[in-house]
Amino acid sequence: MLLLTLSQIISYLINIIIILVIVQFVLSLLISFNVVNTRNDFVVAIWRAVNALLDPMLRPIRRIMPDTGAIDFSPLILIIGLNILNIILQNLAYGSIA
């Protein structure tokens, strides 16, 4: 039962990280198309906070991935990896109950 609870907590944290990746993606699009202004302190604060949280996870992926030019696929790889980890943890937790 404890393993199931830990699995659910980790799953919740994984979902938060995935939401942060999506926020970073949308915010980068809004900044690049000049929808939001980077002179706005609130936008800059959110951008720096999201990057500070995600860069330690994205940096190793960026080192491994080949250079694809202007398109960065590391957030997609991170989301896929986190979902795979979530599936493995949930299967381990439910397998320990049975």
N, C-alpha and C. Protein backbone atom coordinates (compact mmCIF):
# COMPACT_ATOMS: atom_id res chain seq x y z
N MET A 1 0.82 -1.20 0.00
CA MET A 1 0.00 0.00 0.00
C MET A 1 0.87 1.26 0.00
N LEU A 2 2.00 1.20 0.71
CA LEU A 2 2.91 2.34 0.75
C LEU A 2 3.52 2.60 -0.62
N LEU A 3 3.83 1.54 -1.34
CA LEU A 3 4.39 1.69 -2.68
C LEU A 3 3.39 2.34 -3.64
N LEU A 4 2.12 2.01 -3.48
CA LEU A 4 1.08 2.62 -4.30
C LEU A 4 0.97 4.11 -4.01
N THR A 5 1.04 4.48 -2.76
CA THR A 5 0.98 5.89 -2.37
C THR A 5 2.17 6.67 -2.91
N LEU A 6 3.36 6.09 -2.78
CA LEU A 6 4.56 6.74 -3.32
C LEU A 6 4.47 6.87 -4.84
N SER A 7 3.93 5.86 -5.48
CA SER A 7 3.76 5.90 -6.93
C SER A 7 2.81 7.03 -7.33
N GLN A 8 1.75 7.22 -6.59
CA GLN A 8 0.80 8.28 -6.90
C GLN A 8 1.41 9.66 -6.66
N ILE A 9 2.23 9.80 -5.63
CA ILE A 9 2.90 11.08 -5.36
C ILE A 9 3.88 11.40 -6.47
N ILE A 10 4.68 10.41 -6.88
CA ILE A 10 5.63 10.62 -7.96
C ILE A 10 4.91 10.91 -9.27
N SER A 11 3.79 10.25 -9.50
CA SER A 11 2.99 10.51 -10.69
C SER A 11 2.48 11.96 -10.70
N TYR A 12 2.08 12.44 -9.56
CA TYR A 12 1.63 13.83 -9.44
C TYR A 12 2.76 14.80 -9.75
N LEU A 13 3.96 14.52 -9.23
CA LEU A 13 5.11 15.38 -9.50
C LEU A 13 5.51 15.34 -10.98
N ILE A 14 5.41 14.16 -11.59
CA ILE A 14 5.69 14.03 -13.02
C ILE A 14 4.70 14.87 -13.83
N ASN A 15 3.45 14.85 -13.44
CA ASN A 15 2.45 15.66 -14.14
C ASN A 15 2.73 17.15 -14.01
N ILE A 16 3.23 17.58 -12.87
CA ILE A 16 3.59 18.99 -12.68
C ILE A 16 4.75 19.37 -13.61
N ILE A 17 5.74 18.48 -13.72
CA ILE A 17 6.88 18.75 -14.60
C ILE A 17 6.41 18.83 -16.05
N ILE A 18 5.51 17.95 -16.44
CA ILE A 18 5.00 17.97 -17.82
C ILE A 18 4.25 19.27 -18.09
N ILE A 19 3.49 19.74 -17.12
CA ILE A 19 2.79 21.02 -17.28
C ILE A 19 3.79 22.16 -17.41
N LEU A 20 4.88 22.11 -16.64
CA LEU A 20 5.91 23.14 -16.75
C LEU A 20 6.57 23.13 -18.13
N VAL A 21 6.78 21.95 -18.70
CA VAL A 21 7.36 21.86 -20.04
C VAL A 21 6.41 22.50 -21.06
N ILE A 22 5.13 22.24 -20.91
CA ILE A 22 4.14 22.82 -21.83
C ILE A 22 4.09 24.34 -21.66
N VAL A 23 4.16 24.82 -20.42
CA VAL A 23 4.17 26.27 -20.17
C VAL A 23 5.41 26.89 -20.80
N GLN A 24 6.56 26.24 -20.67
CA GLN A 24 7.78 26.76 -21.27
C GLN A 24 7.65 26.83 -22.79
N PHE A 25 7.07 25.80 -23.39
CA PHE A 25 6.89 25.77 -24.84
C PHE A 25 5.98 26.90 -25.30
N VAL A 26 4.83 27.04 -24.66
CA VAL A 26 3.88 28.08 -25.05
C VAL A 26 4.47 29.47 -24.83
N LEU A 27 5.14 29.65 -23.71
CA LEU A 27 5.74 30.96 -23.43
C LEU A 27 6.84 31.28 -24.43
N SER A 28 7.63 30.28 -24.83
CA SER A 28 8.67 30.54 -25.82
C SER A 28 8.07 30.92 -27.17
N LEU A 29 6.94 30.30 -27.53
CA LEU A 29 6.25 30.69 -28.76
C LEU A 29 5.72 32.11 -28.67
N LEU A 30 5.11 32.45 -27.54
CA LEU A 30 4.57 33.80 -27.36
C LEU A 30 5.67 34.85 -27.39
N ILE A 31 6.82 34.53 -26.83
CA ILE A 31 7.94 35.47 -26.85
C ILE A 31 8.52 35.60 -28.26
N SER A 32 8.67 34.47 -28.95
CA SER A 32 9.29 34.53 -30.28
C SER A 32 8.40 35.23 -31.30
N PHE A 33 7.09 35.17 -31.14
CA PHE A 33 6.18 35.85 -32.05
C PHE A 33 5.76 37.24 -31.54
N ASN A 34 6.46 37.72 -30.51
CA ASN A 34 6.22 39.05 -29.93
C ASN A 34 4.79 39.27 -29.47
N VAL A 35 4.16 38.22 -28.97
CA VAL A 35 2.84 38.37 -28.38
C VAL A 35 2.97 38.93 -26.97
N VAL A 36 3.96 38.43 -26.25
CA VAL A 36 4.26 38.99 -24.93
C VAL A 36 5.63 39.66 -25.00
N ASN A 37 5.81 40.67 -24.22
CA ASN A 37 7.02 41.48 -24.26
C ASN A 37 7.97 41.02 -23.16
N THR A 38 9.24 40.85 -23.52
CA THR A 38 10.22 40.42 -22.52
C THR A 38 10.68 41.58 -21.63
N ARG A 39 10.20 42.77 -21.89
CA ARG A 39 10.48 43.89 -20.98
C ARG A 39 9.53 43.90 -19.79
N ASN A 40 8.50 43.08 -19.86
CA ASN A 40 7.56 42.95 -18.75
C ASN A 40 8.21 42.10 -17.66
N ASP A 41 8.29 42.63 -16.45
CA ASP A 41 8.97 41.94 -15.36
C ASP A 41 8.29 40.62 -15.00
N PHE A 42 6.97 40.57 -15.08
CA PHE A 42 6.24 39.35 -14.75
C PHE A 42 6.57 38.23 -15.73
N VAL A 43 6.62 38.56 -17.02
CA VAL A 43 6.94 37.57 -18.05
C VAL A 43 8.37 37.06 -17.86
N VAL A 44 9.28 37.96 -17.60
CA VAL A 44 10.68 37.58 -17.39
C VAL A 44 10.82 36.71 -16.15
N ALA A 45 10.09 37.01 -15.09
CA ALA A 45 10.16 36.22 -13.87
C ALA A 45 9.64 34.80 -14.10
N ILE A 46 8.54 34.68 -14.82
CA ILE A 46 8.01 33.35 -15.12
C ILE A 46 8.97 32.58 -16.01
N TRP A 47 9.50 33.24 -17.03
CA TRP A 47 10.43 32.61 -17.96
C TRP A 47 11.68 32.10 -17.25
N ARG A 48 12.25 32.92 -16.38
CA ARG A 48 13.44 32.51 -15.64
C ARG A 48 13.14 31.37 -14.67
N ALA A 49 12.00 31.43 -14.00
CA ALA A 49 11.65 30.38 -13.03
C ALA A 49 11.44 29.04 -13.73
N VAL A 50 10.71 29.06 -14.83
CA VAL A 50 10.45 27.81 -15.56
C VAL A 50 11.75 27.25 -16.12
N ASN A 51 12.60 28.12 -16.68
CA ASN A 51 13.88 27.65 -17.20
C ASN A 51 14.80 27.13 -16.10
N ALA A 52 14.78 27.78 -14.94
CA ALA A 52 15.62 27.32 -13.83
C ALA A 52 15.18 25.94 -13.34
N LEU A 53 13.88 25.67 -13.39
CA LEU A 53 13.38 24.37 -12.95
C LEU A 53 13.63 23.27 -13.99
N LEU A 54 13.53 23.60 -15.26
CA LEU A 54 13.60 22.58 -16.30
C LEU A 54 14.99 22.38 -16.89
N ASP A 55 15.86 23.37 -16.83
CA ASP A 55 17.18 23.23 -17.44
C ASP A 55 18.00 22.06 -16.88
N PRO A 56 17.97 21.79 -15.58
CA PRO A 56 18.74 20.61 -15.11
C PRO A 56 18.24 19.29 -15.69
N MET A 57 16.98 19.22 -16.07
CA MET A 57 16.45 17.99 -16.68
C MET A 57 16.67 17.97 -18.19
N LEU A 58 16.64 19.14 -18.81
CA LEU A 58 16.76 19.21 -20.27
C LEU A 58 18.21 19.21 -20.75
N ARG A 59 19.13 19.71 -19.95
CA ARG A 59 20.53 19.82 -20.36
C ARG A 59 21.15 18.47 -20.73
N PRO A 60 20.98 17.40 -19.94
CA PRO A 60 21.57 16.11 -20.36
C PRO A 60 20.95 15.57 -21.65
N ILE A 61 19.68 15.83 -21.84
CA ILE A 61 19.02 15.37 -23.07
C ILE A 61 19.57 16.15 -24.26
N ARG A 62 19.80 17.44 -24.09
CA ARG A 62 20.33 18.27 -25.17
C ARG A 62 21.75 17.85 -25.54
N ARG A 63 22.53 17.37 -24.57
CA ARG A 63 23.89 16.90 -24.86
C ARG A 63 23.88 15.63 -25.70
N ILE A 64 22.89 14.77 -25.47
CA ILE A 64 22.81 13.49 -26.18
C ILE A 64 22.20 13.66 -27.57
N MET A 65 21.20 14.51 -27.68
CA MET A 65 20.46 14.69 -28.94
C MET A 65 21.34 15.35 -30.01
N PRO A 66 21.17 14.95 -31.26
CA PRO A 66 21.90 15.64 -32.33
C PRO A 66 21.32 17.04 -32.56
N ASP A 67 22.13 17.92 -33.12
CA ASP A 67 21.68 19.29 -33.39
C ASP A 67 20.69 19.27 -34.54
N THR A 68 19.48 19.76 -34.29
CA THR A 68 18.44 19.77 -35.31
C THR A 68 18.15 21.18 -35.81
N GLY A 69 19.02 22.10 -35.51
CA GLY A 69 18.82 23.47 -35.97
C GLY A 69 17.98 24.27 -35.00
N ALA A 70 16.95 24.89 -35.52
CA ALA A 70 16.13 25.78 -34.71
C ALA A 70 15.12 25.04 -33.84
N ILE A 71 14.86 23.77 -34.15
CA ILE A 71 13.84 23.02 -33.41
C ILE A 71 14.52 22.22 -32.30
N ASP A 72 14.04 22.40 -31.08
CA ASP A 72 14.57 21.68 -29.92
C ASP A 72 13.59 20.58 -29.53
N PHE A 73 14.02 19.34 -29.71
CA PHE A 73 13.17 18.20 -29.39
C PHE A 73 13.36 17.69 -27.97
N SER A 74 14.24 18.30 -27.19
CA SER A 74 14.50 17.80 -25.84
C SER A 74 13.27 17.87 -24.92
N PRO A 75 12.39 18.88 -25.00
CA PRO A 75 11.19 18.83 -24.16
C PRO A 75 10.28 17.65 -24.50
N LEU A 76 10.19 17.32 -25.78
CA LEU A 76 9.38 16.17 -26.19
C LEU A 76 9.97 14.87 -25.65
N ILE A 77 11.28 14.73 -25.72
CA ILE A 77 11.96 13.54 -25.19
C ILE A 77 11.76 13.45 -23.67
N LEU A 78 11.81 14.60 -22.99
CA LEU A 78 11.59 14.62 -21.54
C LEU A 78 10.18 14.16 -21.20
N ILE A 79 9.19 14.65 -21.94
CA ILE A 79 7.80 14.26 -21.68
C ILE A 79 7.61 12.77 -21.92
N ILE A 80 8.17 12.25 -23.00
CA ILE A 80 8.06 10.82 -23.30
C ILE A 80 8.74 10.00 -22.21
N GLY A 81 9.94 10.41 -21.81
CA GLY A 81 10.66 9.69 -20.75
C GLY A 81 9.92 9.70 -19.42
N LEU A 82 9.34 10.84 -19.07
CA LEU A 82 8.59 10.93 -17.82
C LEU A 82 7.33 10.07 -17.86
N ASN A 83 6.66 10.02 -19.01
CA ASN A 83 5.49 9.17 -19.13
C ASN A 83 5.86 7.69 -19.03
N ILE A 84 6.98 7.31 -19.62
CA ILE A 84 7.44 5.92 -19.52
C ILE A 84 7.77 5.59 -18.06
N LEU A 85 8.46 6.51 -17.38
CA LEU A 85 8.77 6.30 -15.96
C LEU A 85 7.50 6.18 -15.13
N ASN A 86 6.51 6.98 -15.43
CA ASN A 86 5.24 6.94 -14.73
C ASN A 86 4.54 5.59 -14.93
N ILE A 87 4.54 5.08 -16.16
CA ILE A 87 3.93 3.78 -16.44
C ILE A 87 4.64 2.67 -15.68
N ILE A 88 5.98 2.71 -15.69
CA ILE A 88 6.75 1.67 -14.99
C ILE A 88 6.47 1.69 -13.50
N LEU A 89 6.46 2.88 -12.90
CA LEU A 89 6.21 2.99 -11.46
C LEU A 89 4.81 2.53 -11.08
N GLN A 90 3.82 2.89 -11.89
CA GLN A 90 2.46 2.46 -11.59
C GLN A 90 2.31 0.95 -11.73
N ASN A 91 2.94 0.36 -12.74
CA ASN A 91 2.86 -1.10 -12.89
C ASN A 91 3.57 -1.81 -11.75
N LEU A 92 4.70 -1.26 -11.27
CA LEU A 92 5.37 -1.85 -10.13
C LEU A 92 4.51 -1.76 -8.87
N ALA A 93 3.87 -0.61 -8.70
CA ALA A 93 3.04 -0.41 -7.50
C ALA A 93 1.82 -1.33 -7.52
N TYR A 94 1.16 -1.43 -8.67
CA TYR A 94 -0.03 -2.30 -8.74
C TYR A 94 0.35 -3.77 -8.73
N GLY A 95 1.55 -4.08 -9.22
CA GLY A 95 2.01 -5.45 -9.17
C GLY A 95 2.35 -5.92 -7.77
N SER A 96 2.75 -4.99 -6.92
CA SER A 96 3.08 -5.37 -5.54
C SER A 96 1.83 -5.62 -4.71
N ILE A 97 0.68 -5.09 -5.14
CA ILE A 97 -0.55 -5.30 -4.40
C ILE A 97 -1.08 -6.70 -4.64
N ALA A 98 -1.01 -7.14 -5.89
CA ALA A 98 -1.59 -8.45 -6.25
C ALA A 98 -0.77 -9.61 -5.76
